[in-house]
């Protein structure tokens, strides 16, 4: 698991080993539309999503319960963090995560910008982010059909509002817990480069590619790569003058 927006998007340096597929998006045939995958792909993808998310939800329930209690004991506020994100075809949904920052963190300090060492991140939150345990509740979103195991990480409305017509092509597929951009750099990548990787995935997605991304995700999580954006990575909020 693997993403990072506020509470995730700004979390995510080293890039995964270069895979055989090209790591940049080809120009889509129609802006905002993903190429049709192989026949039956959607059914296979949903089947895998249901099996993995159902098993993951059951197995992770005791872990989430213990972590939620520990979060509540460490700091005030609900242990489950919920935020509105933009899903497939621009449909909004609420994403669920374990809270890793102090309650109301988006209203204080650097706002949506999160860097390594951010004082708003709790001690337990730092550990949860390191191993992407804060994203275990994303499995609930997958089970509900709002997300997939593999796909572009869901972003917030203010970010989507800045997309070009071409960049909106990443909304043609379900957002995911992990994805092509995640295994190729995560938050350490410049924002435009992450979108290009997502567009490439939308054009070339397949069950084989999804399985490859899942395998690379395990290596990425264990290695702790790309957790924070650093000097050049991530999205930057528009200035007040814009």
Protein backbone atom coordinates (compact mmCIF):
# COMPACT_ATOMS: atom_id res chain seq x y z
CA UNK A 1 0.00 0.00 0.00
CA UNK A 2 1.42 2.99 -0.89
CA UNK A 3 0.12 6.21 -1.90
CA UNK A 4 0.14 9.41 0.01
CA UNK A 5 -2.38 13.24 -0.57
CA UNK A 6 -2.86 15.10 2.35
CA UNK A 7 -2.17 12.32 4.76
CA UNK A 8 -0.80 10.54 1.66
CA UNK A 9 -0.03 12.46 -1.52
CA UNK A 10 2.87 14.31 -0.07
CA UNK A 11 4.40 11.25 1.39
CA UNK A 12 6.00 9.35 -0.90
CA UNK A 13 13.51 8.99 -3.27
CA UNK A 14 14.78 6.15 -5.18
CA UNK A 15 12.93 4.75 -8.09
CA UNK A 16 12.17 1.08 -8.57
CA UNK A 17 14.33 -0.86 -11.00
CA UNK A 18 13.44 0.16 -14.55
CA UNK A 19 10.91 -2.38 -15.85
CA UNK A 20 10.76 -3.57 -19.40
CA UNK A 21 7.70 -1.45 -20.20
CA UNK A 22 8.30 2.19 -21.11
CA UNK A 23 7.94 4.38 -18.03
CA UNK A 24 6.35 7.34 -19.77
CA UNK A 25 2.89 7.78 -21.11
CA UNK A 26 2.25 7.66 -24.80
CA UNK A 27 -0.12 10.31 -26.16
CA UNK A 28 -3.64 8.95 -25.63
CA UNK A 29 -5.79 8.54 -28.68
CA UNK A 30 -8.42 10.77 -27.06
CA UNK A 31 -7.66 13.08 -24.16
CA UNK A 32 -9.47 11.95 -21.04
CA UNK A 33 -10.10 8.42 -22.32
CA UNK A 34 -8.11 5.30 -21.53
CA UNK A 35 -7.46 2.68 -24.17
CA UNK A 36 -9.68 -0.38 -23.92
CA UNK A 37 -7.77 -3.20 -22.18
CA UNK A 38 -7.98 -6.79 -23.28
CA UNK A 39 -11.54 -8.21 -23.35
CA UNK A 40 -12.66 -9.27 -19.89
CA UNK A 41 -10.06 -7.13 -18.09
CA UNK A 42 -12.62 -5.21 -16.03
CA UNK A 43 -14.18 -8.44 -14.77
CA UNK A 44 -10.78 -9.94 -13.94
CA UNK A 45 -9.69 -6.74 -12.20
CA UNK A 46 -12.85 -6.56 -10.11
CA UNK A 47 -12.59 -10.22 -9.22
CA UNK A 48 -9.03 -9.77 -7.97
CA UNK A 49 -10.04 -6.61 -6.14
CA UNK A 50 -12.85 -8.35 -4.29
CA UNK A 51 -10.78 -11.40 -3.34
CA UNK A 52 -7.76 -9.39 -2.18
CA UNK A 53 -9.71 -6.64 -0.40
CA UNK A 54 -12.07 -9.06 1.34
CA UNK A 55 -9.21 -11.23 2.58
CA UNK A 56 -7.20 -8.14 3.48
CA UNK A 57 -10.09 -6.57 5.36
CA UNK A 58 -10.65 -9.68 7.45
CA UNK A 59 -6.96 -10.28 8.18
CA UNK A 60 -6.18 -6.63 8.91
CA UNK A 61 -9.20 -5.99 11.15
CA UNK A 62 -7.38 -6.87 14.43
CA UNK A 63 -4.33 -4.85 13.32
CA UNK A 64 -6.44 -1.82 12.46
CA UNK A 65 -8.29 -2.09 15.77
CA UNK A 66 -5.04 -2.15 17.79
CA UNK A 67 -3.50 0.67 15.76
CA UNK A 68 -6.66 2.78 16.04
CA UNK A 69 -6.58 2.40 19.82
CA UNK A 70 -2.89 3.34 19.92
CA UNK A 71 -3.55 6.40 17.73
CA UNK A 72 -6.38 7.54 19.99
CA UNK A 73 -4.24 7.10 23.10
CA UNK A 74 -1.37 9.10 21.59
CA UNK A 75 -3.37 12.10 20.39
CA UNK A 76 -6.89 13.48 20.39
CA UNK A 77 -9.19 13.08 17.41
CA UNK A 78 -10.75 10.16 15.56
CA UNK A 79 -8.17 7.49 14.63
CA UNK A 80 -9.71 7.02 11.17
CA UNK A 81 -8.96 9.88 8.80
CA UNK A 82 -11.51 10.48 6.08
CA UNK A 83 -11.02 12.82 3.12
CA UNK A 84 -12.89 13.54 -0.10
CA UNK A 85 -11.01 12.33 -3.18
CA UNK A 86 -11.78 12.26 -6.90
CA UNK A 87 -12.43 8.81 -8.35
CA UNK A 88 -13.11 7.31 -11.75
CA UNK A 89 -14.77 9.69 -14.23
CA UNK A 90 -14.38 12.50 -11.70
CA UNK A 91 -16.82 11.02 -9.16
CA UNK A 92 -16.01 12.08 -5.57
CA UNK A 93 -15.73 9.53 -2.76
CA UNK A 94 -14.42 9.42 0.80
CA UNK A 95 -11.09 7.68 1.27
CA UNK A 96 -10.26 6.05 4.62
CA UNK A 97 -6.86 5.99 6.28
CA UNK A 98 -5.42 5.64 9.75
CA UNK A 99 -4.63 9.11 11.07
CA UNK A 100 -0.88 9.79 11.17
CA UNK A 101 -0.92 13.50 12.04
CA UNK A 102 -2.34 15.61 14.83
CA UNK A 103 -6.06 16.30 14.59
CA UNK A 104 -6.81 19.19 12.20
CA UNK A 105 -3.29 19.15 10.74
CA UNK A 106 -4.46 20.44 7.35
CA UNK A 107 -5.48 23.71 8.99
CA UNK A 108 -2.13 24.41 10.67
CA UNK A 109 1.52 24.68 9.69
CA UNK A 110 2.25 23.99 6.03
CA UNK A 111 -1.32 22.93 5.27
CA UNK A 112 -1.40 20.33 2.49
CA UNK A 113 2.39 20.25 2.12
CA UNK A 114 4.06 17.46 4.09
CA UNK A 115 7.78 16.85 4.30
CA UNK A 116 9.93 14.41 6.20
CA UNK A 117 10.26 15.55 9.80
CA UNK A 118 6.96 17.48 9.74
CA UNK A 119 6.14 18.25 13.37
CA UNK A 120 2.46 17.50 12.75
CA UNK A 121 3.24 13.82 12.18
CA UNK A 122 2.88 11.85 15.40
CA UNK A 123 5.48 9.35 16.55
CA UNK A 124 3.19 6.43 15.77
CA UNK A 125 2.17 8.15 12.55
CA UNK A 126 5.78 8.20 11.39
CA UNK A 127 5.97 4.43 11.83
CA UNK A 128 2.65 3.87 10.08
CA UNK A 129 3.76 5.95 7.11
CA UNK A 130 7.10 4.18 6.89
CA UNK A 131 5.41 0.83 6.26
CA UNK A 132 2.23 2.22 4.61
CA UNK A 133 0.12 0.73 7.40
CA UNK A 134 -1.94 3.91 7.48
CA UNK A 135 -3.42 2.87 4.14
CA UNK A 136 -4.86 -0.45 5.33
CA UNK A 137 -8.38 1.09 5.48
CA UNK A 138 -8.07 1.78 1.73
CA UNK A 139 -9.10 -1.87 1.44
CA UNK A 140 -12.60 -0.79 2.49
CA UNK A 141 -12.72 1.54 -0.50
CA UNK A 142 -11.63 -1.27 -2.80
CA UNK A 143 -14.28 -3.61 -1.43
CA UNK A 144 -16.89 -0.89 -1.98
CA UNK A 145 -15.83 -0.58 -5.62
CA UNK A 146 -14.58 3.01 -5.25
CA UNK A 147 -10.94 2.03 -5.70
CA UNK A 148 -8.91 -0.81 -7.14
CA UNK A 149 -5.82 -2.52 -5.74
CA UNK A 150 -3.82 -1.12 -8.69
CA UNK A 151 -4.42 2.27 -10.30
CA UNK A 152 -3.44 5.93 -10.08
CA UNK A 153 -3.52 7.27 -6.54
CA UNK A 154 -6.70 9.29 -5.93
CA UNK A 155 -6.14 13.02 -5.67
CA UNK A 156 -8.10 15.90 -4.16
CA UNK A 157 -10.41 18.23 -6.06
CA UNK A 158 -8.06 21.24 -6.02
CA UNK A 159 -5.43 19.13 -7.77
CA UNK A 160 -7.85 17.78 -10.37
CA UNK A 161 -9.01 21.33 -11.08
CA UNK A 162 -5.50 22.06 -12.41
CA UNK A 163 -5.40 19.10 -14.81
CA UNK A 164 -5.14 19.73 -18.53
CA UNK A 165 -7.58 17.93 -20.81
CA UNK A 166 -4.87 15.34 -21.46
CA UNK A 167 -4.10 14.84 -17.77
CA UNK A 168 -7.75 14.11 -17.04
CA UNK A 169 -7.11 10.82 -18.81
CA UNK A 170 -5.92 9.43 -15.46
CA UNK A 171 -9.54 9.67 -14.27
CA UNK A 172 -10.63 7.13 -16.90
CA UNK A 173 -9.62 4.26 -14.58
CA UNK A 174 -10.34 3.54 -10.93
CA UNK A 175 -7.83 5.00 -8.49
CA UNK A 176 -5.70 2.43 -6.68
CA UNK A 177 -3.86 1.66 -3.47
CA UNK A 178 -0.69 1.19 -5.46
CA UNK A 179 0.16 1.98 -9.05
CA UNK A 180 2.69 2.47 -11.82
CA UNK A 181 3.76 5.88 -10.50
CA UNK A 182 4.09 4.48 -6.98
CA UNK A 183 6.55 1.75 -7.96
CA UNK A 184 8.51 4.25 -10.04
CA UNK A 185 9.18 6.90 -7.41
CA UNK A 186 6.01 7.78 -5.46
CA UNK A 187 6.01 11.27 -3.94
CA UNK A 188 9.64 11.94 -4.87
CA UNK A 189 8.55 12.35 -8.51
CA UNK A 190 7.59 15.76 -9.90
CA UNK A 191 3.81 16.01 -10.13
CA UNK A 192 3.70 16.16 -13.94
CA UNK A 193 5.89 13.06 -14.19
CA UNK A 194 3.62 11.11 -11.86
CA UNK A 195 0.63 11.99 -14.03
CA UNK A 196 2.50 10.84 -17.16
CA UNK A 197 3.17 7.49 -15.52
CA UNK A 198 -0.50 7.20 -14.59
CA UNK A 199 -1.51 7.98 -18.17
CA UNK A 200 0.84 5.29 -19.44
CA UNK A 201 -0.77 2.81 -17.05
CA UNK A 202 -4.26 3.80 -18.18
CA UNK A 203 -3.25 3.06 -21.76
CA UNK A 204 -1.43 -0.24 -21.09
CA UNK A 205 -3.12 -1.79 -18.05
CA UNK A 206 -3.50 -5.55 -18.01
CA UNK A 207 -3.71 -8.35 -15.42
CA UNK A 208 -0.02 -9.17 -15.99
CA UNK A 209 1.03 -5.56 -15.46
CA UNK A 210 -1.14 -5.32 -12.33
CA UNK A 211 0.51 -8.42 -10.84
CA UNK A 212 3.94 -7.00 -11.65
CA UNK A 213 3.07 -3.73 -9.90
CA UNK A 214 1.83 -5.63 -6.83
CA UNK A 215 5.11 -7.56 -6.64
CA UNK A 216 7.19 -4.40 -6.99
CA UNK A 217 5.04 -2.73 -4.34
CA UNK A 218 6.18 -5.23 -1.69
CA UNK A 219 9.82 -4.41 -2.44
CA UNK A 220 9.08 -0.68 -2.40
CA UNK A 221 7.29 -0.76 0.96
CA UNK A 222 10.01 -2.83 2.61
CA UNK A 223 12.67 -0.49 1.21
CA UNK A 224 10.82 2.67 2.27
CA UNK A 225 11.41 4.33 -1.09
CA UNK A 226 9.85 7.63 -2.12
CA UNK A 227 7.93 8.36 1.08
CA UNK A 228 8.35 12.13 0.91
CA UNK A 229 8.52 14.56 -1.97
CA UNK A 230 11.85 16.23 -1.17
CA UNK A 231 12.92 19.31 -3.13
CA UNK A 232 11.41 18.53 -6.52
CA UNK A 233 8.67 15.99 -6.01
CA UNK A 234 4.96 16.24 -5.37
CA UNK A 235 2.21 18.73 -6.07
CA UNK A 236 2.48 22.39 -5.15
CA UNK A 237 -0.69 24.32 -4.21
CA UNK A 238 -1.44 27.32 -6.44
CA UNK A 239 -0.19 30.63 -5.05
CA UNK A 240 -2.67 33.15 -3.73
CA UNK A 241 -1.96 35.33 -6.78
CA UNK A 242 -3.15 32.68 -9.22
